[in-house]
Amino acid sequence: MESGADSGAGVEGGAGADSNGEFLRCFGRRMKLLREAAGLAQAQLGERVGYGEAQIAAVEQGRRIPRPELVDAVDREVGGRGVVAMKGEVAKARYPSRTPPPPVPASGRG
């Protein structure tokens, strides 16, 4: 069992899911590049931050929203190269606004 595993928070559905999904893919690509620049395999990074290789892969592919603790730990492991700078945007993807969409106007009857 992965000690820092998410409770199933994926990137499906909801308002803003497309933009959140694109951001998460961008975040994942950035994390992968920094991990590789640090000379770490997914399994190595996962071991260092308390996550499994599959969880690291899912975050890098934009399929999972990383917890704030993972963002901080990855930033430390890659030498403070800026993953944490995206932490606020990750939080927005994790907890999108719950504001309902505006009402759809009634069709022109009359």
PDB file of N, CA and C in Angstrom:
ATOM      1  N   MET A   1       0.844  -1.194   0.000  1.00  0.00           N
ATOM      2  CA  MET A   1       0.000   0.000   0.000  1.00  0.00           C
ATOM      3  C   MET A   1       0.878   1.242   0.000  1.00  0.00           C
ATOM      4  N   GLU A   2       0.477   2.233  -0.744  1.00  0.00           N
ATOM      5  CA  GLU A   2       1.240   3.473  -0.841  1.00  0.00           C
ATOM      6  C   GLU A   2       0.892   4.350   0.342  1.00  0.00           C
ATOM      7  N   SER A   3       1.904   4.770   1.083  1.00  0.00           N
ATOM      8  CA  SER A   3       1.643   5.523   2.304  1.00  0.00           C
ATOM      9  C   SER A   3       1.033   6.888   2.040  1.00  0.00           C
ATOM     10  N   GLY A   4       1.292   7.485   0.891  1.00  0.00           N
ATOM     11  CA  GLY A   4       0.747   8.803   0.617  1.00  0.00           C
ATOM     12  C   GLY A   4      -0.314   8.774  -0.452  1.00  0.00           C
ATOM     13  N   ALA A   5      -0.904   7.637  -0.657  1.00  0.00           N
ATOM     14  CA  ALA A   5      -1.844   7.471  -1.766  1.00  0.00           C
ATOM     15  C   ALA A   5      -3.048   8.375  -1.618  1.00  0.00           C
ATOM     16  N   ASP A   6      -3.514   8.850  -2.739  1.00  0.00           N
ATOM     17  CA  ASP A   6      -4.725   9.655  -2.791  1.00  0.00           C
ATOM     18  C   ASP A   6      -5.917   8.803  -2.423  1.00  0.00           C
ATOM     19  N   SER A   7      -7.001   9.454  -2.099  1.00  0.00           N
ATOM     20  CA  SER A   7      -8.234   8.740  -1.802  1.00  0.00           C
ATOM     21  C   SER A   7      -9.083   8.621  -3.057  1.00  0.00           C
ATOM     22  N   GLY A   8      -8.440   8.572  -4.222  1.00  0.00           N
ATOM     23  CA  GLY A   8      -9.166   8.359  -5.456  1.00  0.00           C
ATOM     24  C   GLY A   8      -9.434   9.619  -6.246  1.00  0.00           C
ATOM     25  N   ALA A   9      -8.841  10.727  -5.897  1.00  0.00           N
ATOM     26  CA  ALA A   9      -9.091  11.977  -6.606  1.00  0.00           C
ATOM     27  C   ALA A   9      -8.460  11.940  -7.980  1.00  0.00           C
ATOM     28  N   GLY A  10      -9.280  11.720  -8.996  1.00  0.00           N
ATOM     29  CA  GLY A  10      -8.806  11.743 -10.366  1.00  0.00           C
ATOM     30  C   GLY A  10      -9.077  13.105 -10.964  1.00  0.00           C
ATOM     31  N   VAL A  11      -9.185  13.159 -12.278  1.00  0.00           N
ATOM     32  CA  VAL A  11      -9.429  14.444 -12.918  1.00  0.00           C
ATOM     33  C   VAL A  11     -10.717  14.446 -13.727  1.00  0.00           C
ATOM     34  N   GLU A  12     -11.629  13.504 -13.443  1.00  0.00           N
ATOM     35  CA  GLU A  12     -12.843  13.427 -14.230  1.00  0.00           C
ATOM     36  C   GLU A  12     -13.882  14.439 -13.773  1.00  0.00           C
ATOM     37  N   GLY A  13     -14.721  14.829 -14.734  1.00  0.00           N
ATOM     38  CA  GLY A  13     -15.954  15.547 -14.471  1.00  0.00           C
ATOM     39  C   GLY A  13     -15.837  16.909 -13.813  1.00  0.00           C
ATOM     40  N   GLY A  14     -17.001  17.563 -13.705  1.00  0.00           N
ATOM     41  CA  GLY A  14     -17.083  18.828 -12.999  1.00  0.00           C
ATOM     42  C   GLY A  14     -16.765  20.022 -13.869  1.00  0.00           C
ATOM     43  N   ALA A  15     -17.171  21.190 -13.367  1.00  0.00           N
ATOM     44  CA  ALA A  15     -16.907  22.434 -14.075  1.00  0.00           C
ATOM     45  C   ALA A  15     -15.417  22.686 -14.131  1.00  0.00           C
ATOM     46  N   GLY A  16     -14.930  23.072 -15.271  1.00  0.00           N
ATOM     47  CA  GLY A  16     -13.511  23.363 -15.413  1.00  0.00           C
ATOM     48  C   GLY A  16     -12.646  22.120 -15.546  1.00  0.00           C
ATOM     49  N   ALA A  17     -13.255  20.960 -15.743  1.00  0.00           N
ATOM     50  CA  ALA A  17     -12.483  19.718 -15.816  1.00  0.00           C
ATOM     51  C   ALA A  17     -11.481  19.748 -16.959  1.00  0.00           C
ATOM     52  N   ASP A  18     -11.846  20.334 -18.102  1.00  0.00           N
ATOM     53  CA  ASP A  18     -10.920  20.395 -19.232  1.00  0.00           C
ATOM     54  C   ASP A  18      -9.698  21.236 -18.909  1.00  0.00           C
ATOM     55  N   SER A  19      -9.907  22.420 -18.328  1.00  0.00           N
ATOM     56  CA  SER A  19      -8.761  23.271 -18.005  1.00  0.00           C
ATOM     57  C   SER A  19      -7.949  22.666 -16.869  1.00  0.00           C
ATOM     58  N   ASN A  20      -8.615  22.038 -15.894  1.00  0.00           N
ATOM     59  CA  ASN A  20      -7.889  21.357 -14.829  1.00  0.00           C
ATOM     60  C   ASN A  20      -7.061  20.214 -15.394  1.00  0.00           C
ATOM     61  N   GLY A  21      -7.648  19.461 -16.296  1.00  0.00           N
ATOM     62  CA  GLY A  21      -6.932  18.346 -16.909  1.00  0.00           C
ATOM     63  C   GLY A  21      -5.707  18.813 -17.666  1.00  0.00           C
ATOM     64  N   GLU A  22      -5.837  19.900 -18.400  1.00  0.00           N
ATOM     65  CA  GLU A  22      -4.691  20.438 -19.140  1.00  0.00           C
ATOM     66  C   GLU A  22      -3.615  20.930 -18.186  1.00  0.00           C
ATOM     67  N   PHE A  23      -4.022  21.609 -17.123  1.00  0.00           N
ATOM     68  CA  PHE A  23      -3.041  22.050 -16.140  1.00  0.00           C
ATOM     69  C   PHE A  23      -2.321  20.858 -15.515  1.00  0.00           C
ATOM     70  N   LEU A  24      -3.076  19.819 -15.150  1.00  0.00           N
ATOM     71  CA  LEU A  24      -2.461  18.653 -14.508  1.00  0.00           C
ATOM     72  C   LEU A  24      -1.499  17.936 -15.444  1.00  0.00           C
ATOM     73  N   ARG A  25      -1.810  17.904 -16.730  1.00  0.00           N
ATOM     74  CA  ARG A  25      -0.866  17.318 -17.697  1.00  0.00           C
ATOM     75  C   ARG A  25       0.400  18.157 -17.782  1.00  0.00           C
ATOM     76  N   CYS A  26       0.252  19.469 -17.765  1.00  0.00           N
ATOM     77  CA  CYS A  26       1.404  20.377 -17.783  1.00  0.00           C
ATOM     78  C   CYS A  26       2.234  20.207 -16.517  1.00  0.00           C
ATOM     79  N   PHE A  27       1.571  20.165 -15.375  1.00  0.00           N
ATOM     80  CA  PHE A  27       2.265  19.965 -14.104  1.00  0.00           C
ATOM     81  C   PHE A  27       3.033  18.642 -14.134  1.00  0.00           C
ATOM     82  N   GLY A  28       2.375  17.602 -14.615  1.00  0.00           N
ATOM     83  CA  GLY A  28       3.015  16.287 -14.676  1.00  0.00           C
ATOM     84  C   GLY A  28       4.238  16.271 -15.576  1.00  0.00           C
ATOM     85  N   ARG A  29       4.143  16.947 -16.720  1.00  0.00           N
ATOM     86  CA  ARG A  29       5.303  17.020 -17.626  1.00  0.00           C
ATOM     87  C   ARG A  29       6.461  17.742 -16.944  1.00  0.00           C
ATOM     88  N   ARG A  30       6.144  18.815 -16.245  1.00  0.00           N
ATOM     89  CA  ARG A  30       7.177  19.572 -15.529  1.00  0.00           C
ATOM     90  C   ARG A  30       7.824  18.699 -14.444  1.00  0.00           C
ATOM     91  N   MET A  31       7.003  17.995 -13.700  1.00  0.00           N
ATOM     92  CA  MET A  31       7.515  17.118 -12.645  1.00  0.00           C
ATOM     93  C   MET A  31       8.414  16.036 -13.230  1.00  0.00           C
ATOM     94  N   LYS A  32       7.998  15.460 -14.353  1.00  0.00           N
ATOM     95  CA  LYS A  32       8.802  14.416 -14.998  1.00  0.00           C
ATOM     96  C   LYS A  32      10.157  14.966 -15.445  1.00  0.00           C
ATOM     97  N   LEU A  33      10.144  16.128 -16.084  1.00  0.00           N
ATOM     98  CA  LEU A  33      11.404  16.718 -16.539  1.00  0.00           C
ATOM     99  C   LEU A  33      12.342  16.998 -15.378  1.00  0.00           C
ATOM    100  N   LEU A  34      11.809  17.506 -14.281  1.00  0.00           N
ATOM    101  CA  LEU A  34      12.638  17.788 -13.116  1.00  0.00           C
ATOM    102  C   LEU A  34      13.147  16.500 -12.472  1.00  0.00           C
ATOM    103  N   ARG A  35      12.297  15.484 -12.422  1.00  0.00           N
ATOM    104  CA  ARG A  35      12.716  14.187 -11.885  1.00  0.00           C
ATOM    105  C   ARG A  35      13.854  13.620 -12.708  1.00  0.00           C
ATOM    106  N   GLU A  36      13.699  13.653 -14.030  1.00  0.00           N
ATOM    107  CA  GLU A  36      14.744  13.128 -14.915  1.00  0.00           C
ATOM    108  C   GLU A  36      16.031  13.943 -14.800  1.00  0.00           C
ATOM    109  N   ALA A  37      15.908  15.262 -14.689  1.00  0.00           N
ATOM    110  CA  ALA A  37      17.089  16.118 -14.534  1.00  0.00           C
ATOM    111  C   ALA A  37      17.828  15.808 -13.231  1.00  0.00           C
ATOM    112  N   ALA A  38      17.086  15.362 -12.221  1.00  0.00           N
ATOM    113  CA  ALA A  38      17.687  14.981 -10.947  1.00  0.00           C
ATOM    114  C   ALA A  38      18.258  13.566 -10.997  1.00  0.00           C
ATOM    115  N   GLY A  39      18.081  12.883 -12.143  1.00  0.00           N
ATOM    116  CA  GLY A  39      18.623  11.542 -12.310  1.00  0.00           C
ATOM    117  C   GLY A  39      17.862  10.466 -11.565  1.00  0.00           C
ATOM    118  N   LEU A  40      16.559  10.679 -11.374  1.00  0.00           N
ATOM    119  CA  LEU A  40      15.753   9.726 -10.617  1.00  0.00           C
ATOM    120  C   LEU A  40      14.745   9.016 -11.510  1.00  0.00           C
ATOM    121  N   ALA A  41      14.593   7.725 -11.290  1.00  0.00           N
ATOM    122  CA  ALA A  41      13.517   6.956 -11.922  1.00  0.00           C
ATOM    123  C   ALA A  41      12.242   7.193 -11.107  1.00  0.00           C
ATOM    124  N   GLN A  42      11.091   6.879 -11.683  1.00  0.00           N
ATOM    125  CA  GLN A  42       9.832   7.056 -10.958  1.00  0.00           C
ATOM    126  C   GLN A  42       9.841   6.282  -9.646  1.00  0.00           C
ATOM    127  N   ALA A  43      10.335   5.054  -9.676  1.00  0.00           N
ATOM    128  CA  ALA A  43      10.366   4.233  -8.464  1.00  0.00           C
ATOM    129  C   ALA A  43      11.268   4.859  -7.402  1.00  0.00           C
ATOM    130  N   GLN A  44      12.392   5.406  -7.834  1.00  0.00           N
ATOM    131  CA  GLN A  44      13.309   6.038  -6.874  1.00  0.00           C
ATOM    132  C   GLN A  44      12.673   7.257  -6.224  1.00  0.00           C
ATOM    133  N   LEU A  45      12.061   8.106  -7.045  1.00  0.00           N
ATOM    134  CA  LEU A  45      11.401   9.291  -6.496  1.00  0.00           C
ATOM    135  C   LEU A  45      10.284   8.862  -5.555  1.00  0.00           C
ATOM    136  N   GLY A  46       9.485   7.897  -5.983  1.00  0.00           N
ATOM    137  CA  GLY A  46       8.394   7.414  -5.142  1.00  0.00           C
ATOM    138  C   GLY A  46       8.883   6.927  -3.790  1.00  0.00           C
ATOM    139  N   GLU A  47       9.957   6.170  -3.794  1.00  0.00           N
ATOM    140  CA  GLU A  47      10.510   5.667  -2.542  1.00  0.00           C
ATOM    141  C   GLU A  47      10.952   6.813  -1.631  1.00  0.00           C
ATOM    142  N   ARG A  48      11.564   7.811  -2.213  1.00  0.00           N
ATOM    143  CA  ARG A  48      12.060   8.946  -1.419  1.00  0.00           C
ATOM    144  C   ARG A  48      10.947   9.799  -0.827  1.00  0.00           C
ATOM    145  N   VAL A  49       9.792   9.849  -1.515  1.00  0.00           N
ATOM    146  CA  VAL A  49       8.707  10.715  -1.037  1.00  0.00           C
ATOM    147  C   VAL A  49       7.550   9.932  -0.413  1.00  0.00           C
ATOM    148  N   GLY A  50       7.683   8.608  -0.339  1.00  0.00           N
ATOM    149  CA  GLY A  50       6.661   7.802   0.314  1.00  0.00           C
ATOM    150  C   GLY A  50       5.461   7.460  -0.544  1.00  0.00           C
ATOM    151  N   TYR A  51       5.645   7.427  -1.850  1.00  0.00           N
ATOM    152  CA  TYR A  51       4.579   7.060  -2.782  1.00  0.00           C
ATOM    153  C   TYR A  51       5.068   5.920  -3.655  1.00  0.00           C
ATOM    154  N   GLY A  52       4.146   5.193  -4.237  1.00  0.00           N
ATOM    155  CA  GLY A  52       4.514   4.121  -5.141  1.00  0.00           C
ATOM    156  C   GLY A  52       4.835   4.649  -6.529  1.00  0.00           C
ATOM    157  N   GLU A  53       5.529   3.829  -7.280  1.00  0.00           N
ATOM    158  CA  GLU A  53       5.886   4.183  -8.658  1.00  0.00           C
ATOM    159  C   GLU A  53       4.644   4.486  -9.495  1.00  0.00           C
ATOM    160  N   ALA A  54       3.583   3.705  -9.304  1.00  0.00           N
ATOM    161  CA  ALA A  54       2.350   3.905 -10.079  1.00  0.00           C
ATOM    162  C   ALA A  54       1.729   5.275  -9.787  1.00  0.00           C
ATOM    163  N   GLN A  55       1.794   5.709  -8.537  1.00  0.00           N
ATOM    164  CA  GLN A  55       1.244   7.018  -8.174  1.00  0.00           C
ATOM    165  C   GLN A  55       2.052   8.139  -8.824  1.00  0.00           C
ATOM    166  N   ILE A  56       3.382   8.010  -8.801  1.00  0.00           N
ATOM    167  CA  ILE A  56       4.240   9.009  -9.446  1.00  0.00           C
ATOM    168  C   ILE A  56       3.928   9.062 -10.939  1.00  0.00           C
ATOM    169  N   ALA A  57       3.806   7.893 -11.563  1.00  0.00           N
ATOM    170  CA  ALA A  57       3.490   7.833 -12.995  1.00  0.00           C
ATOM    171  C   ALA A  57       2.143   8.492 -13.287  1.00  0.00           C
ATOM    172  N   ALA A  58       1.145   8.223 -12.455  1.00  0.00           N
ATOM    173  CA  ALA A  58      -0.188   8.792 -12.670  1.00  0.00           C
ATOM    174  C   ALA A  58      -0.173  10.319 -12.560  1.00  0.00           C
ATOM    175  N   VAL A  59       0.602  10.850 -11.621  1.00  0.00           N
ATOM    176  CA  VAL A  59       0.712  12.310 -11.488  1.00  0.00           C
ATOM    177  C   VAL A  59       1.429  12.879 -12.710  1.00  0.00           C
ATOM    178  N   GLU A  60       2.518  12.231 -13.122  1.00  0.00           N
ATOM    179  CA  GLU A  60       3.267  12.720 -14.277  1.00  0.00           C
ATOM    180  C   GLU A  60       2.443  12.689 -15.556  1.00  0.00           C
ATOM    181  N   GLN A  61       1.504  11.769 -15.645  1.00  0.00           N
ATOM    182  CA  GLN A  61       0.648  11.664 -16.832  1.00  0.00           C
ATOM    183  C   GLN A  61      -0.596  12.531 -16.723  1.00  0.00           C
ATOM    184  N   GLY A  62      -0.747  13.243 -15.617  1.00  0.00           N
ATOM    185  CA  GLY A  62      -1.904  14.117 -15.452  1.00  0.00           C
ATOM    186  C   GLY A  62      -3.176  13.379 -15.119  1.00  0.00           C
ATOM    187  N   ARG A  63      -3.072  12.120 -14.684  1.00  0.00           N
ATOM    188  CA  ARG A  63      -4.253  11.323 -14.351  1.00  0.00           C
ATOM    189  C   ARG A  63      -4.631  11.420 -12.884  1.00  0.00           C
ATOM    190  N   ARG A  64      -3.743  11.914 -12.050  1.00  0.00           N
ATOM    191  CA  ARG A  64      -3.996  12.049 -10.615  1.00  0.00           C
ATOM    192  C   ARG A  64      -3.619  13.444 -10.157  1.00  0.00           C
ATOM    193  N   ILE A  65      -4.381  13.961  -9.228  1.00  0.00           N
ATOM    194  CA  ILE A  65      -4.082  15.262  -8.641  1.00  0.00           C
ATOM    195  C   ILE A  65      -3.188  15.013  -7.430  1.00  0.00           C
ATOM    196  N   PRO A  66      -1.989  15.578  -7.432  1.00  0.00           N
ATOM    197  CA  PRO A  66      -1.096  15.325  -6.300  1.00  0.00           C
ATOM    198  C   PRO A  66      -1.532  16.075  -5.045  1.00  0.00           C
ATOM    199  N   ARG A  67      -1.330  15.433  -3.915  1.00  0.00           N
ATOM    200  CA  ARG A  67      -1.586  16.097  -2.636  1.00  0.00           C
ATOM    201  C   ARG A  67      -0.518  17.159  -2.410  1.00  0.00           C
ATOM    202  N   PRO A  68      -0.830  18.185  -1.619  1.00  0.00           N
ATOM    203  CA  PRO A  68       0.164  19.233  -1.337  1.00  0.00           C
ATOM    204  C   PRO A  68       1.461  18.675  -0.752  1.00  0.00           C
ATOM    205  N   GLU A  69       1.348  17.637   0.085  1.00  0.00           N
ATOM    206  CA  GLU A  69       2.541  17.042   0.691  1.00  0.00           C
ATOM    207  C   GLU A  69       3.444  16.429  -0.374  1.00  0.00           C
ATOM    208  N   LEU A  70       2.846  15.841  -1.410  1.00  0.00           N
ATOM    209  CA  LEU A  70       3.640  15.254  -2.487  1.00  0.00           C
ATOM    210  C   LEU A  70       4.351  16.354  -3.265  1.00  0.00           C
ATOM    211  N   VAL A  71       3.658  17.444  -3.542  1.00  0.00           N
ATOM    212  CA  VAL A  71       4.269  18.556  -4.269  1.00  0.00           C
ATOM    213  C   VAL A  71       5.491  19.071  -3.501  1.00  0.00           C
ATOM    214  N   ASP A  72       5.336  19.262  -2.190  1.00  0.00           N
ATOM    215  CA  ASP A  72       6.453  19.737  -1.368  1.00  0.00           C
ATOM    216  C   ASP A  72       7.609  18.748  -1.373  1.00  0.00           C
ATOM    217  N   ALA A  73       7.299  17.462  -1.209  1.00  0.00           N
ATOM    218  CA  ALA A  73       8.344  16.438  -1.141  1.00  0.00           C
ATOM    219  C   ALA A  73       9.082  16.304  -2.469  1.00  0.00           C
ATOM    220  N   VAL A  74       8.355  16.349  -3.576  1.00  0.00           N
ATOM    221  CA  VAL A  74       8.994  16.261  -4.893  1.00  0.00           C
ATOM    222  C   VAL A  74       9.907  17.460  -5.097  1.00  0.00           C
ATOM    223  N   ASP A  75       9.443  18.637  -4.721  1.00  0.00           N
ATOM    224  CA  ASP A  75      10.267  19.835  -4.874  1.00  0.00           C
ATOM    225  C   ASP A  75      11.584  19.691  -4.102  1.00  0.00           C
ATOM    226  N   ARG A  76      11.507  19.154  -2.898  1.00  0.00           N
ATOM    227  CA  ARG A  76      12.738  18.932  -2.120  1.00  0.00           C
ATOM    228  C   ARG A  76      13.657  17.934  -2.822  1.00  0.00           C
ATOM    229  N   GLU A  77      13.092  16.860  -3.344  1.00  0.00           N
ATOM    230  CA  GLU A  77      13.896  15.799  -3.945  1.00  0.00           C
ATOM    231  C   GLU A  77      14.533  16.201  -5.273  1.00  0.00           C
ATOM    232  N   VAL A  78      13.903  17.111  -5.985  1.00  0.00           N
ATOM    233  CA  VAL A  78      14.480  17.547  -7.275  1.00  0.00           C
ATOM    234  C   VAL A  78      15.329  18.795  -7.103  1.00  0.00           C
ATOM    235  N   GLY A  79      15.622  19.146  -5.876  1.00  0.00           N
ATOM    236  CA  GLY A  79      16.530  20.256  -5.614  1.00  0.00           C
ATOM    237  C   GLY A  79      15.884  21.621  -5.614  1.00  0.00           C
ATOM    238  N   GLY A  80      14.586  21.690  -5.273  1.00  0.00           N
ATOM    239  CA  GLY A  80      13.921  22.990  -5.198  1.00  0.00           C
ATOM    240  C   GLY A  80      13.866  23.708  -6.523  1.00  0.00           C
ATOM    241  N   ARG A  81      13.543  22.988  -7.565  1.00  0.00           N
ATOM    242  CA  ARG A  81      13.551  23.561  -8.920  1.00  0.00           C
ATOM    243  C   ARG A  81      12.199  24.076  -9.380  1.00  0.00           C
ATOM    244  N   GLY A  82      11.254  24.265  -8.480  1.00  0.00           N
ATOM    245  CA  GLY A  82      10.053  24.985  -8.855  1.00  0.00           C
ATOM    246  C   GLY A  82       8.747  24.242  -8.956  1.00  0.00           C
ATOM    247  N   VAL A  83       8.694  22.963  -8.667  1.00  0.00           N
ATOM    248  CA  VAL A  83       7.399  22.275  -8.702  1.00  0.00           C
ATOM    249  C   VAL A  83       6.452  22.929  -7.710  1.00  0.00           C
ATOM    250  N   VAL A  84       6.979  23.324  -6.557  1.00  0.00           N
ATOM    251  CA  VAL A  84       6.152  23.910  -5.513  1.00  0.00           C
ATOM    252  C   VAL A  84       5.548  25.253  -5.953  1.00  0.00           C
ATOM    253  N   ALA A  85       6.135  25.899  -6.930  1.00  0.00           N
ATOM    254  CA  ALA A  85       5.583  27.162  -7.429  1.00  0.00           C
ATOM    255  C   ALA A  85       4.194  26.972  -8.024  1.00  0.00           C
ATOM    256  N   MET A  86       3.870  25.748  -8.418  1.00  0.00           N
ATOM    257  CA  MET A  86       2.564  25.450  -9.006  1.00  0.00           C
ATOM    258  C   MET A  86       1.572  24.930  -7.964  1.00  0.00           C
ATOM    259  N   LYS A  87       1.952  24.926  -6.711  1.00  0.00           N
ATOM    260  CA  LYS A  87       1.133  24.332  -5.662  1.00  0.00           C
ATOM    261  C   LYS A  87      -0.262  24.963  -5.575  1.00  0.00           C
ATOM    262  N   GLY A  88      -0.360  26.267  -5.731  1.00  0.00           N
ATOM    263  CA  GLY A  88      -1.663  26.932  -5.683  1.00  0.00           C
ATOM    264  C   GLY A  88      -2.586  26.470  -6.794  1.00  0.00           C
ATOM    265  N   GLU A  89      -2.036  26.298  -7.975  1.00  0.00           N
ATOM    266  CA  GLU A  89      -2.845  25.826  -9.104  1.00  0.00           C
ATOM    267  C   GLU A  89      -3.269  24.373  -8.907  1.00  0.00           C
ATOM    268  N   VAL A  90      -2.383  23.569  -8.311  1.00  0.00           N
ATOM    269  CA  VAL A  90      -2.736  22.179  -8.007  1.00  0.00           C
ATOM    270  C   VAL A  90      -3.909  22.165  -7.034  1.00  0.00           C
ATOM    271  N   ALA A  91      -3.878  23.040  -6.038  1.00  0.00           N
ATOM    272  CA  ALA A  91      -4.979  23.116  -5.067  1.00  0.00           C
ATOM    273  C   ALA A  91      -6.287  23.493  -5.761  1.00  0.00           C
ATOM    274  N   LYS A  92      -6.216  24.390  -6.720  1.00  0.00           N
ATOM    275  CA  LYS A  92      -7.428  24.771  -7.459  1.00  0.00           C
ATOM    276  C   LYS A  92      -7.976  23.581  -8.241  1.00  0.00           C
ATOM    277  N   ALA A  93      -7.095  22.768  -8.796  1.00  0.00           N
ATOM    278  CA  ALA A  93      -7.545  21.589  -9.534  1.00  0.00           C
ATOM    279  C   ALA A  93      -8.142  20.559  -8.584  1.00  0.00           C
ATOM    280  N   ARG A  94      -7.565  20.451  -7.396  1.00  0.00           N
ATOM    281  CA  ARG A  94      -8.046  19.494  -6.402  1.00  0.00           C
ATOM    282  C   ARG A  94      -9.392  19.919  -5.825  1.00  0.00           C
ATOM    283  N   TYR A  95      -9.554  21.210  -5.571  1.00  0.00           N
ATOM    284  CA  TYR A  95     -10.768  21.734  -4.957  1.00  0.00           C
ATOM    285  C   TYR A  95     -11.342  22.837  -5.830  1.00  0.00           C
ATOM    286  N   PRO A  96     -11.926  22.476  -6.971  1.00  0.00           N
ATOM    287  CA  PRO A  96     -12.468  23.509  -7.867  1.00  0.00           C
ATOM    288  C   PRO A  96     -13.625  24.253  -7.206  1.00  0.00           C
ATOM    289  N   SER A  97     -13.869  25.426  -7.704  1.00  0.00           N
ATOM    290  CA  SER A  97     -14.959  26.243  -7.199  1.00  0.00           C
ATOM    291  C   SER A  97     -16.270  25.471  -7.281  1.00  0.00           C
ATOM    292  N   ARG A  98     -17.045  25.563  -6.257  1.00  0.00           N
ATOM    293  CA  ARG A  98     -18.337  24.872  -6.224  1.00  0.00           C
ATOM    294  C   ARG A  98     -19.467  25.792  -6.664  1.00  0.00           C
ATOM    295  N   THR A  99     -19.138  26.923  -7.269  1.00  0.00           N
ATOM    296  CA  THR A  99     -20.143  27.860  -7.728  1.00  0.00           C
ATOM    297  C   THR A  99     -20.925  27.238  -8.877  1.00  0.00           C
ATOM    298  N   PRO A 100     -22.234  27.161  -8.747  1.00  0.00           N
ATOM    299  CA  PRO A 100     -23.019  26.568  -9.838  1.00  0.00           C
ATOM    300  C   PRO A 100     -22.975  27.447 -11.082  1.00  0.00           C
ATOM    301  N   PRO A 101     -23.143  26.848 -12.243  1.00  0.00           N
ATOM    302  CA  PRO A 101     -23.155  27.644 -13.473  1.00  0.00           C
ATOM    303  C   PRO A 101     -24.374  28.561 -13.486  1.00  0.00           C
ATOM    304  N   PRO A 102     -24.296  29.654 -14.237  1.00  0.00           N
ATOM    305  CA  PRO A 102     -25.447  30.569 -14.310  1.00  0.00           C
ATOM    306  C   PRO A 102     -26.637  29.866 -14.929  1.00  0.00           C
ATOM    307  N   PRO A 103     -27.850  30.293 -14.559  1.00  0.00           N
ATOM    308  CA  PRO A 103     -29.052  29.657 -15.109  1.00  0.00           C
ATOM    309  C   PRO A 103     -29.155  29.878 -16.611  1.00  0.00           C
ATOM    310  N   VAL A 104     -29.692  28.893 -17.281  1.00  0.00           N
ATOM    311  CA  VAL A 104     -29.903  28.984 -18.731  1.00  0.00           C
ATOM    312  C   VAL A 104     -31.215  29.744 -18.945  1.00  0.00           C
ATOM    313  N   PRO A 105     -31.171  30.791 -19.803  1.00  0.00           N
ATOM    314  CA  PRO A 105     -32.398  31.567 -20.043  1.00  0.00           C
ATOM    315  C   PRO A 105     -33.495  30.686 -20.652  1.00  0.00           C
ATOM    316  N   ALA A 106     -34.741  30.989 -20.270  1.00  0.00           N
ATOM    317  CA  ALA A 106     -35.885  30.259 -20.811  1.00  0.00           C
ATOM    318  C   ALA A 106     -36.019  30.534 -22.297  1.00  0.00           C
ATOM    319  N   SER A 107     -36.464  29.521 -23.012  1.00  0.00           N
ATOM    320  CA  SER A 107     -36.621  29.715 -24.469  1.00  0.00           C
ATOM    321  C   SER A 107     -37.726  30.737 -24.709  1.00  0.00           C
ATOM    322  N   GLY A 108     -37.650  31.430 -25.836  1.00  0.00           N
ATOM    323  CA  GLY A 108     -38.572  32.531 -26.142  1.00  0.00           C
ATOM    324  C   GLY A 108     -39.995  32.072 -26.352  1.00  0.00           C
ATOM    325  N   ARG A 109     -40.747  31.994 -25.259  1.00  0.00           N
ATOM    326  CA  ARG A 109     -42.185  31.677 -25.371  1.00  0.00           C
ATOM    327  C   ARG A 109     -42.971  32.960 -25.191  1.00  0.00           C
ATOM    328  N   GLY A 110     -43.991  33.061 -25.864  1.00  0.00           N
ATOM    329  CA  GLY A 110     -44.724  34.202 -25.522  1.00  0.00           C
ATOM    330  C   GLY A 110     -45.738  34.718 -26.324  1.00  0.00           C
TER     331      GLY A 110
END
